[in-house]
Amino acid sequence: MVDCKQQKGGWECGYMVLQHMFDFVNLYQNQFPDEVSKIYLFINLLLNCLFFFKT
């Protein structure tokens, strides 16, 4: 099996996509213009909401 992040059930698909987007933006945020920082904040908000509704 490939050693990478994978969803374990059916509902995590959206969460996994957002998590990968968050990780990508977080890793390369210094290379993005200021406009992308708004996207970073939006993704962070979405991840927090998904985590809240998951519990």
PDB file of N, CA and C in Angstrom:
ATOM      1  N   MET A   1       0.845  -1.177   0.000  1.00  0.00           N
ATOM      2  CA  MET A   1       0.000   0.000   0.000  1.00  0.00           C
ATOM      3  C   MET A   1       0.892   1.242   0.000  1.00  0.00           C
ATOM      4  N   VAL A   2       0.443   2.263  -0.678  1.00  0.00           N
ATOM      5  CA  VAL A   2       1.176   3.524  -0.761  1.00  0.00           C
ATOM      6  C   VAL A   2       1.142   4.218   0.593  1.00  0.00           C
ATOM      7  N   ASP A   3       2.273   4.775   0.997  1.00  0.00           N
ATOM      8  CA  ASP A   3       2.361   5.466   2.288  1.00  0.00           C
ATOM      9  C   ASP A   3       1.972   6.933   2.111  1.00  0.00           C
ATOM     10  N   CYS A   4       0.670   7.204   2.150  1.00  0.00           N
ATOM     11  CA  CYS A   4       0.168   8.575   2.030  1.00  0.00           C
ATOM     12  C   CYS A   4      -1.131   8.691   2.822  1.00  0.00           C
ATOM     13  N   LYS A   5      -1.580   9.920   2.999  1.00  0.00           N
ATOM     14  CA  LYS A   5      -2.836  10.145   3.715  1.00  0.00           C
ATOM     15  C   LYS A   5      -3.988   9.606   2.890  1.00  0.00           C
ATOM     16  N   GLN A   6      -4.871   8.857   3.536  1.00  0.00           N
ATOM     17  CA  GLN A   6      -6.027   8.297   2.859  1.00  0.00           C
ATOM     18  C   GLN A   6      -7.234   8.375   3.773  1.00  0.00           C
ATOM     19  N   GLN A   7      -8.403   8.526   3.147  1.00  0.00           N
ATOM     20  CA  GLN A   7      -9.623   8.543   3.939  1.00  0.00           C
ATOM     21  C   GLN A   7      -9.980   7.128   4.350  1.00  0.00           C
ATOM     22  N   LYS A   8     -10.586   6.999   5.513  1.00  0.00           N
ATOM     23  CA  LYS A   8     -10.924   5.673   6.031  1.00  0.00           C
ATOM     24  C   LYS A   8     -12.387   5.324   5.823  1.00  0.00           C
ATOM     25  N   GLY A   9     -13.226   6.331   5.619  1.00  0.00           N
ATOM     26  CA  GLY A   9     -14.644   6.087   5.429  1.00  0.00           C
ATOM     27  C   GLY A   9     -15.158   6.850   4.228  1.00  0.00           C
ATOM     28  N   GLY A  10     -16.460   7.095   4.204  1.00  0.00           N
ATOM     29  CA  GLY A  10     -17.047   7.773   3.064  1.00  0.00           C
ATOM     30  C   GLY A  10     -17.150   9.274   3.197  1.00  0.00           C
ATOM     31  N   TRP A  11     -17.358   9.763   4.400  1.00  0.00           N
ATOM     32  CA  TRP A  11     -17.611  11.193   4.575  1.00  0.00           C
ATOM     33  C   TRP A  11     -16.340  12.023   4.601  1.00  0.00           C
ATOM     34  N   GLU A  12     -15.173  11.414   4.782  1.00  0.00           N
ATOM     35  CA  GLU A  12     -13.934  12.165   4.940  1.00  0.00           C
ATOM     36  C   GLU A  12     -13.389  12.738   3.640  1.00  0.00           C
ATOM     37  N   CYS A  13     -13.984  12.443   2.508  1.00  0.00           N
ATOM     38  CA  CYS A  13     -13.457  12.883   1.217  1.00  0.00           C
ATOM     39  C   CYS A  13     -13.265  14.399   1.183  1.00  0.00           C
ATOM     40  N   GLY A  14     -14.294  15.156   1.515  1.00  0.00           N
ATOM     41  CA  GLY A  14     -14.185  16.615   1.531  1.00  0.00           C
ATOM     42  C   GLY A  14     -13.170  17.090   2.543  1.00  0.00           C
ATOM     43  N   TYR A  15     -13.130  16.432   3.673  1.00  0.00           N
ATOM     44  CA  TYR A  15     -12.160  16.801   4.702  1.00  0.00           C
ATOM     45  C   TYR A  15     -10.740  16.569   4.204  1.00  0.00           C
ATOM     46  N   MET A  16     -10.501  15.444   3.543  1.00  0.00           N
ATOM     47  CA  MET A  16      -9.157  15.138   3.045  1.00  0.00           C
ATOM     48  C   MET A  16      -8.726  16.148   1.990  1.00  0.00           C
ATOM     49  N   VAL A  17      -9.636  16.527   1.093  1.00  0.00           N
ATOM     50  CA  VAL A  17      -9.310  17.530   0.070  1.00  0.00           C
ATOM     51  C   VAL A  17      -8.939  18.840   0.736  1.00  0.00           C
ATOM     52  N   LEU A  18      -9.754  19.288   1.686  1.00  0.00           N
ATOM     53  CA  LEU A  18      -9.464  20.542   2.383  1.00  0.00           C
ATOM     54  C   LEU A  18      -8.181  20.449   3.195  1.00  0.00           C
ATOM     55  N   GLN A  19      -7.924  19.300   3.794  1.00  0.00           N
ATOM     56  CA  GLN A  19      -6.695  19.135   4.570  1.00  0.00           C
ATOM     57  C   GLN A  19      -5.468  19.246   3.673  1.00  0.00           C
ATOM     58  N   HIS A  20      -5.525  18.635   2.490  1.00  0.00           N
ATOM     59  CA  HIS A  20      -4.397  18.728   1.559  1.00  0.00           C
ATOM     60  C   HIS A  20      -4.225  20.161   1.053  1.00  0.00           C
ATOM     61  N   MET A  21      -5.330  20.858   0.796  1.00  0.00           N
ATOM     62  CA  MET A  21      -5.240  22.263   0.392  1.00  0.00           C
ATOM     63  C   MET A  21      -4.615  23.091   1.507  1.00  0.00           C
ATOM     64  N   PHE A  22      -5.048  22.847   2.723  1.00  0.00           N
ATOM     65  CA  PHE A  22      -4.513  23.569   3.875  1.00  0.00           C
ATOM     66  C   PHE A  22      -3.013  23.310   4.026  1.00  0.00           C
ATOM     67  N   ASP A  23      -2.617  22.047   3.930  1.00  0.00           N
ATOM     68  CA  ASP A  23      -1.200  21.695   4.052  1.00  0.00           C
ATOM     69  C   ASP A  23      -0.370  22.354   2.956  1.00  0.00           C
ATOM     70  N   PHE A  24      -0.887  22.355   1.724  1.00  0.00           N
ATOM     71  CA  PHE A  24      -0.171  22.960   0.600  1.00  0.00           C
ATOM     72  C   PHE A  24       0.016  24.455   0.814  1.00  0.00           C
ATOM     73  N   VAL A  25      -1.068  25.137   1.176  1.00  0.00           N
ATOM     74  CA  VAL A  25      -0.988  26.584   1.394  1.00  0.00           C
ATOM     75  C   VAL A  25      -0.094  26.888   2.583  1.00  0.00           C
ATOM     76  N   ASN A  26      -0.194  26.104   3.630  1.00  0.00           N
ATOM     77  CA  ASN A  26       0.629  26.321   4.815  1.00  0.00           C
ATOM     78  C   ASN A  26       2.115  26.137   4.496  1.00  0.00           C
ATOM     79  N   LEU A  27       2.432  25.162   3.658  1.00  0.00           N
ATOM     80  CA  LEU A  27       3.825  24.884   3.310  1.00  0.00           C
ATOM     81  C   LEU A  27       4.422  25.971   2.417  1.00  0.00           C
ATOM     82  N   TYR A  28       3.625  26.478   1.462  1.00  0.00           N
ATOM     83  CA  TYR A  28       4.141  27.425   0.476  1.00  0.00           C
ATOM     84  C   TYR A  28       3.617  28.844   0.661  1.00  0.00           C
ATOM     85  N   GLN A  29       3.102  29.178   1.837  1.00  0.00           N
ATOM     86  CA  GLN A  29       2.452  30.474   2.020  1.00  0.00           C
ATOM     87  C   GLN A  29       3.383  31.663   1.796  1.00  0.00           C
ATOM     88  N   ASN A  30       4.673  31.517   2.042  1.00  0.00           N
ATOM     89  CA  ASN A  30       5.595  32.633   1.840  1.00  0.00           C
ATOM     90  C   ASN A  30       5.822  32.941   0.368  1.00  0.00           C
ATOM     91  N   GLN A  31       5.487  32.011  -0.506  1.00  0.00           N
ATOM     92  CA  GLN A  31       5.668  32.210  -1.937  1.00  0.00           C
ATOM     93  C   GLN A  31       4.417  32.783  -2.604  1.00  0.00           C
ATOM     94  N   PHE A  32       3.315  32.877  -1.875  1.00  0.00           N
ATOM     95  CA  PHE A  32       2.067  33.380  -2.438  1.00  0.00           C
ATOM     96  C   PHE A  32       1.921  34.880  -2.198  1.00  0.00           C
ATOM     97  N   PRO A  33       1.202  35.562  -3.071  1.00  0.00           N
ATOM     98  CA  PRO A  33       0.901  36.980  -2.815  1.00  0.00           C
ATOM     99  C   PRO A  33      -0.114  37.120  -1.679  1.00  0.00           C
ATOM    100  N   ASP A  34      -0.347  38.333  -1.252  1.00  0.00           N
ATOM    101  CA  ASP A  34      -1.258  38.591  -0.131  1.00  0.00           C
ATOM    102  C   ASP A  34      -2.677  38.093  -0.380  1.00  0.00           C
ATOM    103  N   GLU A  35      -3.106  38.085  -1.623  1.00  0.00           N
ATOM    104  CA  GLU A  35      -4.462  37.656  -1.943  1.00  0.00           C
ATOM    105  C   GLU A  35      -4.697  36.205  -1.530  1.00  0.00           C
ATOM    106  N   VAL A  36      -3.692  35.379  -1.624  1.00  0.00           N
ATOM    107  CA  VAL A  36      -3.835  33.965  -1.287  1.00  0.00           C
ATOM    108  C   VAL A  36      -3.984  33.775   0.214  1.00  0.00           C
ATOM    109  N   SER A  37      -3.499  34.718   1.011  1.00  0.00           N
ATOM    110  CA  SER A  37      -3.648  34.589   2.459  1.00  0.00           C
ATOM    111  C   SER A  37      -5.120  34.575   2.853  1.00  0.00           C
ATOM    112  N   LYS A  38      -5.972  35.219   2.060  1.00  0.00           N
ATOM    113  CA  LYS A  38      -7.412  35.171   2.316  1.00  0.00           C
ATOM    114  C   LYS A  38      -7.934  33.752   2.094  1.00  0.00           C
ATOM    115  N   ILE A  39      -7.413  33.077   1.080  1.00  0.00           N
ATOM    116  CA  ILE A  39      -7.803  31.694   0.821  1.00  0.00           C
ATOM    117  C   ILE A  39      -7.359  30.808   1.980  1.00  0.00           C
ATOM    118  N   TYR A  40      -6.160  31.044   2.480  1.00  0.00           N
ATOM    119  CA  TYR A  40      -5.641  30.291   3.629  1.00  0.00           C
ATOM    120  C   TYR A  40      -6.592  30.425   4.821  1.00  0.00           C
ATOM    121  N   LEU A  41      -7.025  31.638   5.105  1.00  0.00           N
ATOM    122  CA  LEU A  41      -7.942  31.858   6.222  1.00  0.00           C
ATOM    123  C   LEU A  41      -9.275  31.154   5.982  1.00  0.00           C
ATOM    124  N   PHE A  42      -9.752  31.187   4.736  1.00  0.00           N
ATOM    125  CA  PHE A  42     -11.011  30.539   4.394  1.00  0.00           C
ATOM    126  C   PHE A  42     -10.910  29.022   4.568  1.00  0.00           C
ATOM    127  N   ILE A  43      -9.824  28.426   4.097  1.00  0.00           N
ATOM    128  CA  ILE A  43      -9.630  26.981   4.240  1.00  0.00           C
ATOM    129  C   ILE A  43      -9.533  26.607   5.713  1.00  0.00           C
ATOM    130  N   ASN A  44      -8.822  27.416   6.479  1.00  0.00           N
ATOM    131  CA  ASN A  44      -8.698  27.159   7.911  1.00  0.00           C
ATOM    132  C   ASN A  44     -10.071  27.196   8.580  1.00  0.00           C
ATOM    133  N   LEU A  45     -10.894  28.155   8.206  1.00  0.00           N
ATOM    134  CA  LEU A  45     -12.249  28.249   8.743  1.00  0.00           C
ATOM    135  C   LEU A  45     -13.061  27.013   8.374  1.00  0.00           C
ATOM    136  N   LEU A  46     -12.975  26.576   7.110  1.00  0.00           N
ATOM    137  CA  LEU A  46     -13.713  25.388   6.682  1.00  0.00           C
ATOM    138  C   LEU A  46     -13.264  24.140   7.435  1.00  0.00           C
ATOM    139  N   LEU A  47     -11.962  23.988   7.612  1.00  0.00           N
ATOM    140  CA  LEU A  47     -11.458  22.826   8.351  1.00  0.00           C
ATOM    141  C   LEU A  47     -11.934  22.840   9.796  1.00  0.00           C
ATOM    142  N   ASN A  48     -11.938  24.006  10.405  1.00  0.00           N
ATOM    143  CA  ASN A  48     -12.426  24.107  11.781  1.00  0.00           C
ATOM    144  C   ASN A  48     -13.901  23.749  11.863  1.00  0.00           C
ATOM    145  N   CYS A  49     -14.686  24.184  10.882  1.00  0.00           N
ATOM    146  CA  CYS A  49     -16.114  23.852  10.868  1.00  0.00           C
ATOM    147  C   CYS A  49     -16.317  22.351  10.681  1.00  0.00           C
ATOM    148  N   LEU A  50     -15.571  21.747   9.751  1.00  0.00           N
ATOM    149  CA  LEU A  50     -15.699  20.302   9.537  1.00  0.00           C
ATOM    150  C   LEU A  50     -15.313  19.524  10.782  1.00  0.00           C
ATOM    151  N   PHE A  51     -14.250  19.946  11.442  1.00  0.00           N
ATOM    152  CA  PHE A  51     -13.822  19.270  12.662  1.00  0.00           C
ATOM    153  C   PHE A  51     -14.884  19.413  13.745  1.00  0.00           C
ATOM    154  N   PHE A  52     -15.502  20.597  13.852  1.00  0.00           N
ATOM    155  CA  PHE A  52     -16.530  20.842  14.857  1.00  0.00           C
ATOM    156  C   PHE A  52     -17.727  19.928  14.632  1.00  0.00           C
ATOM    157  N   PHE A  53     -18.183  19.806  13.373  1.00  0.00           N
ATOM    158  CA  PHE A  53     -19.352  18.986  13.088  1.00  0.00           C
ATOM    159  C   PHE A  53     -19.038  17.494  13.134  1.00  0.00           C
ATOM    160  N   LYS A  54     -17.759  17.140  13.000  1.00  0.00           N
ATOM    161  CA  LYS A  54     -17.363  15.730  13.065  1.00  0.00           C
ATOM    162  C   LYS A  54     -17.518  15.198  14.481  1.00  0.00           C
ATOM    163  N   THR A  55     -17.220  16.032  15.487  1.00  0.00           N
ATOM    164  CA  THR A  55     -17.267  15.585  16.878  1.00  0.00           C
ATOM    165  C   THR A  55     -18.652  15.637  17.448  1.00  0.00           C
TER     166      THR A  55
END
